[in-house]
Amino acid sequence: SCGSAGERADGYDQPHGAFKLHANQGPVQNLTITGLDIVDATNSAIHLQGESYIDTVYFDGVSIQGAGGAAFFLSWGSNGACDAANVVAEGVSTGVQDDSDGNFTILRGPGNSGW
């Protein structure tokens, strides 16, 4: 569980999501995230960033209960794709904030709601 996580703590005044995958120094691959509960995230709930590729990442059974930003935030420079199934969001400002210039795709599976 993540509660009230995410902040602007770096020197670039960049908002960070409560759960962040950052593919900066190499690809992020072959991950399955299940049973994650995000409650009252300060900014976005799930944050994907980095100029290396993100793929074969699966979100399944994720609960988002309140976020100051989007359910999913795709930062500038992010590229790749992830799968999302059974991701339920309530109290988010928007579903997906896509700043990736179309270089990142969320493949929506069954059971998603609220985003």
Protein backbone atom coordinates (compact mmCIF):
# COMPACT_ATOMS: atom_id res chain seq x y z
CA SER A 1 0.00 0.00 0.00
CA CYS A 2 1.01 3.58 -0.68
CA GLY A 3 -0.64 6.29 1.39
CA SER A 4 -0.19 10.03 0.74
CA ALA A 5 2.87 9.25 -1.39
CA GLY A 6 4.39 11.30 -4.21
CA GLU A 7 5.92 14.74 -3.96
CA ARG A 8 8.09 17.38 -5.63
CA ALA A 9 11.40 16.46 -4.05
CA ASP A 10 13.93 16.73 -6.84
CA GLY A 11 15.83 19.75 -8.12
CA TYR A 12 13.57 20.01 -11.17
CA ASP A 13 10.32 20.66 -9.28
CA GLN A 14 8.84 17.64 -11.05
CA PRO A 15 5.84 15.92 -9.48
CA HIS A 16 6.40 12.27 -8.63
CA GLY A 17 3.63 9.69 -8.59
CA ALA A 18 2.93 7.47 -5.59
CA PHE A 19 4.17 4.39 -7.49
CA LYS A 20 6.84 5.20 -10.07
CA LEU A 21 8.71 3.13 -12.64
CA HIS A 22 11.65 5.09 -14.05
CA ALA A 23 13.44 3.52 -17.03
CA ASN A 24 16.38 5.90 -16.98
CA GLN A 25 19.50 3.76 -17.01
CA GLY A 26 18.04 0.82 -18.90
CA PRO A 27 14.78 -0.88 -19.85
CA VAL A 28 12.17 -1.85 -17.28
CA GLN A 29 10.74 -5.23 -18.25
CA ASN A 30 9.07 -8.38 -17.00
CA LEU A 31 7.23 -6.98 -13.97
CA THR A 32 3.80 -7.84 -12.62
CA ILE A 33 2.30 -5.46 -10.07
CA THR A 34 -0.68 -6.97 -8.23
CA GLY A 35 -2.60 -6.14 -5.09
CA LEU A 36 -1.35 -2.54 -4.97
CA ASP A 37 -3.49 -0.11 -2.96
CA ILE A 38 -2.82 3.60 -3.48
CA VAL A 39 -4.65 5.88 -1.04
CA ASP A 40 -4.68 9.70 -1.23
CA ALA A 41 -1.68 10.12 -3.53
CA THR A 42 -0.30 13.65 -3.40
CA ASN A 43 0.14 13.74 -7.20
CA SER A 44 -0.59 11.02 -9.74
CA ALA A 45 -1.12 7.46 -8.58
CA ILE A 46 1.04 5.54 -11.12
CA HIS A 47 3.93 7.37 -12.80
CA LEU A 48 5.86 5.96 -15.78
CA GLN A 49 9.01 7.76 -16.91
CA GLY A 50 12.38 7.34 -18.56
CA GLU A 51 13.81 7.33 -22.03
CA SER A 52 14.68 3.63 -21.98
CA TYR A 53 11.93 1.26 -22.97
CA ILE A 54 9.20 0.01 -20.61
CA ASP A 55 7.47 -3.18 -21.70
CA THR A 56 6.06 -6.48 -20.42
CA VAL A 57 4.86 -4.60 -17.34
CA TYR A 58 1.46 -5.71 -16.03
CA PHE A 59 -0.77 -3.91 -13.53
CA ASP A 60 -3.50 -6.23 -12.27
CA GLY A 61 -5.74 -5.76 -9.24
CA VAL A 62 -4.71 -2.19 -8.43
CA SER A 63 -6.94 0.03 -6.28
CA ILE A 64 -6.57 3.82 -6.40
CA GLN A 65 -8.53 5.73 -3.75
CA GLY A 66 -7.84 9.40 -4.37
CA ALA A 67 -5.02 11.16 -6.19
CA GLY A 68 -4.09 14.81 -6.65
CA GLY A 69 -3.40 14.03 -10.30
CA ALA A 70 -4.14 11.33 -12.82
CA ALA A 71 -4.53 7.61 -12.25
CA PHE A 72 -1.65 7.15 -14.75
CA PHE A 73 0.95 9.83 -15.54
CA LEU A 74 3.09 9.19 -18.63
CA SER A 75 6.04 11.61 -18.37
CA TRP A 76 7.76 13.32 -21.26
CA GLY A 77 10.32 11.05 -22.85
CA SER A 78 8.63 7.85 -21.66
CA ASN A 79 8.21 5.17 -24.30
CA GLY A 80 6.89 1.65 -24.45
CA ALA A 81 3.73 0.00 -23.18
CA CYS A 82 2.14 -1.61 -20.16
CA ASP A 83 -0.96 -3.71 -19.59
CA ALA A 84 -3.63 -2.69 -17.09
CA ALA A 85 -6.46 -4.98 -15.96
CA ASN A 86 -8.70 -4.70 -12.91
CA VAL A 87 -7.35 -1.24 -12.12
CA VAL A 88 -10.10 0.60 -10.25
CA ALA A 89 -9.75 4.32 -9.57
CA GLU A 90 -11.93 6.66 -7.52
CA GLY A 91 -11.28 10.30 -6.76
CA VAL A 92 -8.70 11.03 -9.47
CA SER A 93 -8.61 14.26 -11.46
CA THR A 94 -8.20 12.48 -14.80
CA GLY A 95 -7.64 8.96 -16.05
CA VAL A 96 -4.40 9.30 -18.03
CA GLN A 97 -2.15 12.33 -18.30
CA ASP A 98 -0.13 11.58 -21.43
CA ASP A 99 2.91 13.82 -21.80
CA SER A 100 4.78 11.12 -23.78
CA ASP A 101 3.91 12.60 -27.20
CA GLY A 102 2.16 9.32 -28.01
CA ASN A 103 5.26 7.21 -27.34
CA PHE A 104 3.70 5.23 -24.49
CA THR A 105 0.62 3.01 -24.68
CA ILE A 106 -1.55 1.56 -21.94
CA LEU A 107 -3.16 -1.66 -23.14
CA ARG A 108 -6.48 -1.79 -21.30
CA GLY A 109 -7.71 -5.19 -20.24
CA PRO A 110 -10.92 -6.20 -18.47
CA GLY A 111 -12.18 -4.91 -15.14
CA ASN A 112 -10.86 -1.34 -15.29
CA SER A 113 -13.02 1.52 -14.05
CA GLY A 114 -12.80 5.15 -13.03
CA TRP A 115 -10.10 6.07 -15.50
